[in-house]
PDB file of N, CA and C in Angstrom:
ATOM      1  N   UNK A   1       0.239  15.807   8.659  1.00  0.00           N
ATOM      2  CA  UNK A   1       0.330  15.215   7.338  1.00  0.00           C
ATOM      3  C   UNK A   1       0.914  16.195   6.320  1.00  0.00           C
ATOM      4  N   UNK A   2       1.374  17.350   6.790  1.00  0.00           N
ATOM      5  CA  UNK A   2       1.951  18.330   5.882  1.00  0.00           C
ATOM      6  C   UNK A   2       3.195  17.761   5.194  1.00  0.00           C
ATOM      7  N   UNK A   3       3.970  16.954   5.910  1.00  0.00           N
ATOM      8  CA  UNK A   3       5.171  16.349   5.324  1.00  0.00           C
ATOM      9  C   UNK A   3       4.808  15.459   4.152  1.00  0.00           C
ATOM     10  N   UNK A   4       3.662  14.767   4.237  1.00  0.00           N
ATOM     11  CA  UNK A   4       3.237  13.868   3.165  1.00  0.00           C
ATOM     12  C   UNK A   4       2.835  14.659   1.926  1.00  0.00           C
ATOM     13  N   UNK A   5       2.157  15.777   2.127  1.00  0.00           N
ATOM     14  CA  UNK A   5       1.749  16.612   0.999  1.00  0.00           C
ATOM     15  C   UNK A   5       2.923  17.317   0.343  1.00  0.00           C
ATOM     16  N   UNK A   6       4.054  17.410   1.036  1.00  0.00           N
ATOM     17  CA  UNK A   6       5.224  18.070   0.461  1.00  0.00           C
ATOM     18  C   UNK A   6       5.978  17.170  -0.523  1.00  0.00           C
ATOM     19  N   UNK A   7       5.672  15.892  -0.541  1.00  0.00           N
ATOM     20  CA  UNK A   7       6.336  14.956  -1.467  1.00  0.00           C
ATOM     21  C   UNK A   7       5.725  15.126  -2.851  1.00  0.00           C
ATOM     22  N   UNK A   8       6.548  15.428  -3.838  1.00  0.00           N
ATOM     23  CA  UNK A   8       6.035  15.721  -5.173  1.00  0.00           C
ATOM     24  C   UNK A   8       5.946  14.499  -6.080  1.00  0.00           C
ATOM     25  N   UNK A   9       6.917  13.607  -6.019  1.00  0.00           N
ATOM     26  CA  UNK A   9       6.925  12.424  -6.880  1.00  0.00           C
ATOM     27  C   UNK A   9       5.825  11.467  -6.437  1.00  0.00           C
ATOM     28  N   UNK A  10       4.931  11.063  -7.368  1.00  0.00           N
ATOM     29  CA  UNK A  10       3.772  10.240  -6.981  1.00  0.00           C
ATOM     30  C   UNK A  10       4.201   8.891  -6.424  1.00  0.00           C
ATOM     31  N   UNK A  11       5.299   8.316  -6.936  1.00  0.00           N
ATOM     32  CA  UNK A  11       5.767   7.018  -6.443  1.00  0.00           C
ATOM     33  C   UNK A  11       6.249   7.131  -4.999  1.00  0.00           C
ATOM     34  N   UNK A  12       7.038   8.152  -4.734  1.00  0.00           N
ATOM     35  CA  UNK A  12       7.539   8.355  -3.374  1.00  0.00           C
ATOM     36  C   UNK A  12       6.401   8.648  -2.405  1.00  0.00           C
ATOM     37  N   UNK A  13       5.411   9.430  -2.864  1.00  0.00           N
ATOM     38  CA  UNK A  13       4.257   9.745  -2.028  1.00  0.00           C
ATOM     39  C   UNK A  13       3.456   8.485  -1.733  1.00  0.00           C
ATOM     40  N   UNK A  14       3.310   7.617  -2.728  1.00  0.00           N
ATOM     41  CA  UNK A  14       2.580   6.367  -2.549  1.00  0.00           C
ATOM     42  C   UNK A  14       3.285   5.461  -1.543  1.00  0.00           C
ATOM     43  N   UNK A  15       4.598   5.377  -1.616  1.00  0.00           N
ATOM     44  CA  UNK A  15       5.373   4.575  -0.666  1.00  0.00           C
ATOM     45  C   UNK A  15       5.227   5.141   0.747  1.00  0.00           C
ATOM     46  N   UNK A  16       5.316   6.459   0.871  1.00  0.00           N
ATOM     47  CA  UNK A  16       5.176   7.095   2.192  1.00  0.00           C
ATOM     48  C   UNK A  16       3.786   6.851   2.768  1.00  0.00           C
ATOM     49  N   UNK A  17       2.742   6.967   1.932  1.00  0.00           N
ATOM     50  CA  UNK A  17       1.371   6.713   2.394  1.00  0.00           C
ATOM     51  C   UNK A  17       1.213   5.267   2.830  1.00  0.00           C
ATOM     52  N   UNK A  18       1.778   4.357   2.054  1.00  0.00           N
ATOM     53  CA  UNK A  18       1.693   2.935   2.387  1.00  0.00           C
ATOM     54  C   UNK A  18       2.313   2.668   3.750  1.00  0.00           C
ATOM     55  N   UNK A  19       3.479   3.205   3.984  1.00  0.00           N
ATOM     56  CA  UNK A  19       4.155   2.993   5.268  1.00  0.00           C
ATOM     57  C   UNK A  19       3.379   3.655   6.414  1.00  0.00           C
ATOM     58  N   UNK A  20       2.860   4.850   6.185  1.00  0.00           N
ATOM     59  CA  UNK A  20       2.140   5.580   7.217  1.00  0.00           C
ATOM     60  C   UNK A  20       0.812   4.902   7.566  1.00  0.00           C
ATOM     61  N   UNK A  21       0.060   4.484   6.546  1.00  0.00           N
ATOM     62  CA  UNK A  21      -1.271   3.930   6.765  1.00  0.00           C
ATOM     63  C   UNK A  21      -1.255   2.490   7.270  1.00  0.00           C
ATOM     64  N   UNK A  22      -0.225   1.735   6.946  1.00  0.00           N
ATOM     65  CA  UNK A  22      -0.221   0.311   7.285  1.00  0.00           C
ATOM     66  C   UNK A  22       0.778  -0.057   8.378  1.00  0.00           C
ATOM     67  N   UNK A  23       1.640   0.859   8.753  1.00  0.00           N
ATOM     68  CA  UNK A  23       2.714   0.596   9.720  1.00  0.00           C
ATOM     69  C   UNK A  23       3.685  -0.469   9.224  1.00  0.00           C
ATOM     70  N   UNK A  24       3.826  -0.572   7.905  1.00  0.00           N
ATOM     71  CA  UNK A  24       4.798  -1.505   7.348  1.00  0.00           C
ATOM     72  C   UNK A  24       6.199  -0.965   7.587  1.00  0.00           C
ATOM     73  N   UNK A  25       7.116  -1.858   7.823  1.00  0.00           N
ATOM     74  CA  UNK A  25       8.515  -1.488   8.011  1.00  0.00           C
ATOM     75  C   UNK A  25       9.181  -1.282   6.651  1.00  0.00           C
ATOM     76  N   UNK A  26      10.309  -0.580   6.671  1.00  0.00           N
ATOM     77  CA  UNK A  26      11.032  -0.292   5.425  1.00  0.00           C
ATOM     78  C   UNK A  26      11.347  -1.569   4.657  1.00  0.00           C
ATOM     79  N   UNK A  27      11.860  -2.560   5.338  1.00  0.00           N
ATOM     80  CA  UNK A  27      12.237  -3.823   4.694  1.00  0.00           C
ATOM     81  C   UNK A  27      11.013  -4.529   4.101  1.00  0.00           C
ATOM     82  N   UNK A  28       9.876  -4.421   4.759  1.00  0.00           N
ATOM     83  CA  UNK A  28       8.645  -5.036   4.251  1.00  0.00           C
ATOM     84  C   UNK A  28       8.200  -4.362   2.958  1.00  0.00           C
ATOM     85  N   UNK A  29       8.339  -3.043   2.900  1.00  0.00           N
ATOM     86  CA  UNK A  29       7.970  -2.313   1.686  1.00  0.00           C
ATOM     87  C   UNK A  29       8.939  -2.636   0.560  1.00  0.00           C
ATOM     88  N   UNK A  30      10.226  -2.719   0.874  1.00  0.00           N
ATOM     89  CA  UNK A  30      11.246  -3.037  -0.138  1.00  0.00           C
ATOM     90  C   UNK A  30      10.969  -4.415  -0.747  1.00  0.00           C
ATOM     91  N   UNK A  31      10.552  -5.369   0.078  1.00  0.00           N
ATOM     92  CA  UNK A  31      10.313  -6.731  -0.407  1.00  0.00           C
ATOM     93  C   UNK A  31       8.908  -6.959  -0.954  1.00  0.00           C
ATOM     94  N   UNK A  32       8.065  -5.933  -0.919  1.00  0.00           N
ATOM     95  CA  UNK A  32       6.691  -6.068  -1.405  1.00  0.00           C
ATOM     96  C   UNK A  32       6.677  -6.288  -2.914  1.00  0.00           C
ATOM     97  N   UNK A  33       5.942  -7.271  -3.348  1.00  0.00           N
ATOM     98  CA  UNK A  33       5.799  -7.578  -4.776  1.00  0.00           C
ATOM     99  C   UNK A  33       4.362  -7.316  -5.196  1.00  0.00           C
ATOM    100  N   UNK A  34       4.161  -7.096  -6.482  1.00  0.00           N
ATOM    101  CA  UNK A  34       2.815  -6.800  -6.963  1.00  0.00           C
ATOM    102  C   UNK A  34       1.854  -7.953  -6.706  1.00  0.00           C
ATOM    103  N   UNK A  35       2.352  -9.185  -6.704  1.00  0.00           N
ATOM    104  CA  UNK A  35       1.459 -10.316  -6.473  1.00  0.00           C
ATOM    105  C   UNK A  35       1.010 -10.419  -5.010  1.00  0.00           C
ATOM    106  N   UNK A  36       1.653  -9.648  -4.119  1.00  0.00           N
ATOM    107  CA  UNK A  36       1.201  -9.594  -2.731  1.00  0.00           C
ATOM    108  C   UNK A  36      -0.080  -8.767  -2.582  1.00  0.00           C
ATOM    109  N   UNK A  37      -0.267  -7.813  -3.486  1.00  0.00           N
ATOM    110  CA  UNK A  37      -1.423  -6.922  -3.407  1.00  0.00           C
ATOM    111  C   UNK A  37      -2.667  -7.594  -3.973  1.00  0.00           C
ATOM    112  N   UNK A  38      -3.836  -7.189  -3.485  1.00  0.00           N
ATOM    113  CA  UNK A  38      -5.073  -7.776  -4.018  1.00  0.00           C
ATOM    114  C   UNK A  38      -5.265  -7.409  -5.487  1.00  0.00           C
ATOM    115  N   UNK A  39      -5.759  -8.364  -6.273  1.00  0.00           N
ATOM    116  CA  UNK A  39      -6.005  -8.113  -7.689  1.00  0.00           C
ATOM    117  C   UNK A  39      -7.219  -7.215  -7.854  1.00  0.00           C
ATOM    118  N   UNK A  40      -7.170  -6.363  -8.872  1.00  0.00           N
ATOM    119  CA  UNK A  40      -8.295  -5.451  -9.101  1.00  0.00           C
ATOM    120  C   UNK A  40      -9.573  -6.196  -9.427  1.00  0.00           C
ATOM    121  N   UNK A  41      -9.454  -7.358 -10.065  1.00  0.00           N
ATOM    122  CA  UNK A  41     -10.650  -8.111 -10.458  1.00  0.00           C
ATOM    123  C   UNK A  41     -11.417  -8.642  -9.251  1.00  0.00           C
ATOM    124  N   UNK A  42     -10.723  -8.897  -8.130  1.00  0.00           N
ATOM    125  CA  UNK A  42     -11.399  -9.413  -6.933  1.00  0.00           C
ATOM    126  C   UNK A  42     -11.541  -8.346  -5.844  1.00  0.00           C
ATOM    127  N   UNK A  43     -11.068  -7.152  -6.125  1.00  0.00           N
ATOM    128  CA  UNK A  43     -11.114  -6.070  -5.150  1.00  0.00           C
ATOM    129  C   UNK A  43     -12.512  -5.470  -5.114  1.00  0.00           C
ATOM    130  N   UNK A  44     -13.110  -5.421  -3.938  1.00  0.00           N
ATOM    131  CA  UNK A  44     -14.439  -4.849  -3.749  1.00  0.00           C
ATOM    132  C   UNK A  44     -14.266  -3.395  -3.321  1.00  0.00           C
ATOM    133  N   UNK A  45     -14.422  -2.476  -4.280  1.00  0.00           N
ATOM    134  CA  UNK A  45     -14.187  -1.062  -4.006  1.00  0.00           C
ATOM    135  C   UNK A  45     -15.264  -0.434  -3.133  1.00  0.00           C
ATOM    136  N   UNK A  46     -16.359  -1.157  -2.902  1.00  0.00           N
ATOM    137  CA  UNK A  46     -17.405  -0.629  -2.026  1.00  0.00           C
ATOM    138  C   UNK A  46     -17.032  -0.821  -0.552  1.00  0.00           C
ATOM    139  N   UNK A  47     -16.071  -1.689  -0.273  1.00  0.00           N
ATOM    140  CA  UNK A  47     -15.612  -1.903   1.111  1.00  0.00           C
ATOM    141  C   UNK A  47     -14.581  -0.835   1.463  1.00  0.00           C
ATOM    142  N   UNK A  48     -14.507  -0.453   2.721  1.00  0.00           N
ATOM    143  CA  UNK A  48     -13.577   0.616   3.102  1.00  0.00           C
ATOM    144  C   UNK A  48     -12.105   0.208   3.075  1.00  0.00           C
ATOM    145  N   UNK A  49     -11.825  -1.093   3.176  1.00  0.00           N
ATOM    146  CA  UNK A  49     -10.427  -1.515   3.183  1.00  0.00           C
ATOM    147  C   UNK A  49     -10.253  -2.869   2.520  1.00  0.00           C
ATOM    148  N   UNK A  50      -9.019  -3.109   2.096  1.00  0.00           N
ATOM    149  CA  UNK A  50      -8.637  -4.396   1.514  1.00  0.00           C
ATOM    150  C   UNK A  50      -7.485  -4.935   2.352  1.00  0.00           C
ATOM    151  N   UNK A  51      -7.241  -6.216   2.248  1.00  0.00           N
ATOM    152  CA  UNK A  51      -6.151  -6.796   3.022  1.00  0.00           C
ATOM    153  C   UNK A  51      -5.270  -7.654   2.126  1.00  0.00           C
ATOM    154  N   UNK A  52      -4.029  -7.791   2.548  1.00  0.00           N
ATOM    155  CA  UNK A  52      -3.082  -8.663   1.861  1.00  0.00           C
ATOM    156  C   UNK A  52      -2.068  -9.153   2.873  1.00  0.00           C
ATOM    157  N   UNK A  53      -1.375 -10.223   2.539  1.00  0.00           N
ATOM    158  CA  UNK A  53      -0.425 -10.851   3.450  1.00  0.00           C
ATOM    159  C   UNK A  53       0.995 -10.559   2.992  1.00  0.00           C
ATOM    160  N   UNK A  54       1.857 -10.287   3.960  1.00  0.00           N
ATOM    161  CA  UNK A  54       3.277 -10.104   3.678  1.00  0.00           C
ATOM    162  C   UNK A  54       4.075 -10.984   4.636  1.00  0.00           C
ATOM    163  N   UNK A  55       5.338 -11.160   4.324  1.00  0.00           N
ATOM    164  CA  UNK A  55       6.264 -11.828   5.239  1.00  0.00           C
ATOM    165  C   UNK A  55       6.997 -10.717   5.977  1.00  0.00           C
ATOM    166  N   UNK A  56       6.790 -10.639   7.276  1.00  0.00           N
ATOM    167  CA  UNK A  56       7.353  -9.555   8.073  1.00  0.00           C
ATOM    168  C   UNK A  56       8.583  -9.969   8.845  1.00  0.00           C
ATOM    169  N   UNK A  57       8.855  -9.208   9.877  1.00  0.00           N
ATOM    170  CA  UNK A  57      10.008  -9.429  10.738  1.00  0.00           C
ATOM    171  C   UNK A  57       9.956 -10.831  11.347  1.00  0.00           C
ATOM    172  N   UNK A  58      11.077 -11.503  11.357  1.00  0.00           N
ATOM    173  CA  UNK A  58      11.125 -12.860  11.885  1.00  0.00           C
ATOM    174  C   UNK A  58      10.502 -13.886  10.949  1.00  0.00           C
ATOM    175  N   UNK A  59      10.353 -13.512   9.664  1.00  0.00           N
ATOM    176  CA  UNK A  59       9.774 -14.380   8.622  1.00  0.00           C
ATOM    177  C   UNK A  59       8.366 -14.839   8.984  1.00  0.00           C
ATOM    178  N   UNK A  60       7.649 -14.000   9.731  1.00  0.00           N
ATOM    179  CA  UNK A  60       6.269 -14.311  10.103  1.00  0.00           C
ATOM    180  C   UNK A  60       5.314 -13.668   9.107  1.00  0.00           C
ATOM    181  N   UNK A  61       4.244 -14.393   8.780  1.00  0.00           N
ATOM    182  CA  UNK A  61       3.222 -13.827   7.915  1.00  0.00           C
ATOM    183  C   UNK A  61       2.437 -12.794   8.706  1.00  0.00           C
ATOM    184  N   UNK A  62       2.124 -11.691   8.017  1.00  0.00           N
ATOM    185  CA  UNK A  62       1.398 -10.621   8.665  1.00  0.00           C
ATOM    186  C   UNK A  62       0.330 -10.107   7.720  1.00  0.00           C
ATOM    187  N   UNK A  63      -0.870  -9.914   8.240  1.00  0.00           N
ATOM    188  CA  UNK A  63      -1.981  -9.404   7.454  1.00  0.00           C
ATOM    189  C   UNK A  63      -1.967  -7.883   7.522  1.00  0.00           C
ATOM    190  N   UNK A  64      -1.991  -7.246   6.354  1.00  0.00           N
ATOM    191  CA  UNK A  64      -1.942  -5.791   6.248  1.00  0.00           C
ATOM    192  C   UNK A  64      -3.284  -5.309   5.718  1.00  0.00           C
ATOM    193  N   UNK A  65      -3.814  -4.270   6.330  1.00  0.00           N
ATOM    194  CA  UNK A  65      -5.058  -3.650   5.873  1.00  0.00           C
ATOM    195  C   UNK A  65      -4.736  -2.301   5.261  1.00  0.00           C
ATOM    196  N   UNK A  66      -5.346  -2.028   4.101  1.00  0.00           N
ATOM    197  CA  UNK A  66      -5.103  -0.789   3.385  1.00  0.00           C
ATOM    198  C   UNK A  66      -6.434  -0.243   2.880  1.00  0.00           C
ATOM    199  N   UNK A  67      -6.631   1.055   3.009  1.00  0.00           N
ATOM    200  CA  UNK A  67      -7.860   1.685   2.531  1.00  0.00           C
ATOM    201  C   UNK A  67      -7.980   1.504   1.024  1.00  0.00           C
ATOM    202  N   UNK A  68      -9.156   1.109   0.561  1.00  0.00           N
ATOM    203  CA  UNK A  68      -9.357   0.921  -0.884  1.00  0.00           C
ATOM    204  C   UNK A  68      -9.177   2.243  -1.622  1.00  0.00           C
ATOM    205  N   UNK A  69      -9.427   3.357  -0.945  1.00  0.00           N
ATOM    206  CA  UNK A  69      -9.200   4.669  -1.549  1.00  0.00           C
ATOM    207  C   UNK A  69      -7.732   4.809  -1.947  1.00  0.00           C
ATOM    208  N   UNK A  70      -6.834   4.304  -1.121  1.00  0.00           N
ATOM    209  CA  UNK A  70      -5.402   4.371  -1.426  1.00  0.00           C
ATOM    210  C   UNK A  70      -5.054   3.497  -2.626  1.00  0.00           C
ATOM    211  N   UNK A  71      -5.709   2.348  -2.728  1.00  0.00           N
ATOM    212  CA  UNK A  71      -5.471   1.483  -3.887  1.00  0.00           C
ATOM    213  C   UNK A  71      -5.948   2.151  -5.163  1.00  0.00           C
ATOM    214  N   UNK A  72      -7.082   2.839  -5.103  1.00  0.00           N
ATOM    215  CA  UNK A  72      -7.579   3.546  -6.279  1.00  0.00           C
ATOM    216  C   UNK A  72      -6.621   4.671  -6.675  1.00  0.00           C
ATOM    217  N   UNK A  73      -6.082   5.380  -5.680  1.00  0.00           N
ATOM    218  CA  UNK A  73      -5.122   6.460  -5.961  1.00  0.00           C
ATOM    219  C   UNK A  73      -3.872   5.910  -6.631  1.00  0.00           C
ATOM    220  N   UNK A  74      -3.421   4.730  -6.189  1.00  0.00           N
ATOM    221  CA  UNK A  74      -2.201   4.159  -6.764  1.00  0.00           C
ATOM    222  C   UNK A  74      -2.403   3.787  -8.216  1.00  0.00           C
ATOM    223  N   UNK A  75      -3.584   3.301  -8.560  1.00  0.00           N
ATOM    224  CA  UNK A  75      -3.874   2.947  -9.944  1.00  0.00           C
ATOM    225  C   UNK A  75      -3.948   4.214 -10.795  1.00  0.00           C
ATOM    226  N   UNK A  76      -4.577   5.252 -10.268  1.00  0.00           N
ATOM    227  CA  UNK A  76      -4.679   6.517 -10.997  1.00  0.00           C
ATOM    228  C   UNK A  76      -3.304   7.147 -11.172  1.00  0.00           C
ATOM    229  N   UNK A  77      -2.472   7.094 -10.151  1.00  0.00           N
ATOM    230  CA  UNK A  77      -1.138   7.675 -10.211  1.00  0.00           C
ATOM    231  C   UNK A  77      -0.201   6.944 -11.149  1.00  0.00           C
ATOM    232  N   UNK A  78      -0.412   5.642 -11.314  1.00  0.00           N
ATOM    233  CA  UNK A  78       0.450   4.851 -12.188  1.00  0.00           C
ATOM    234  C   UNK A  78       0.295   5.247 -13.647  1.00  0.00           C
ATOM    235  N   UNK A  79      -0.811   5.867 -13.973  1.00  0.00           N
ATOM    236  CA  UNK A  79      -1.042   6.282 -15.349  1.00  0.00           C
ATOM    237  C   UNK A  79      -0.308   7.558 -15.723  1.00  0.00           C
ATOM    238  N   UNK A  80       0.354   8.208 -14.766  1.00  0.00           N
ATOM    239  CA  UNK A  80       1.046   9.470 -15.037  1.00  0.00           C
ATOM    240  C   UNK A  80       2.308   9.237 -15.822  1.00  0.00           C
TER     241      UNK A  80
END
């Protein structure tokens, strides 16, 4: 994970973490919209992970699981 820590820009680091932790493909990340992500109002931060649906390869729906810790980091990083 040394390569991940070498990324300085918080946005680029967040994208790299997202791809690494979820196994999302480049095209899936490029097409990801904010409305695909779980809303903070319904997000249960006491659970270890959250899930959301994307349209993946072959236009198939795919369920993605992401650590809630990563979602909290993204919100904190957006304030920079």
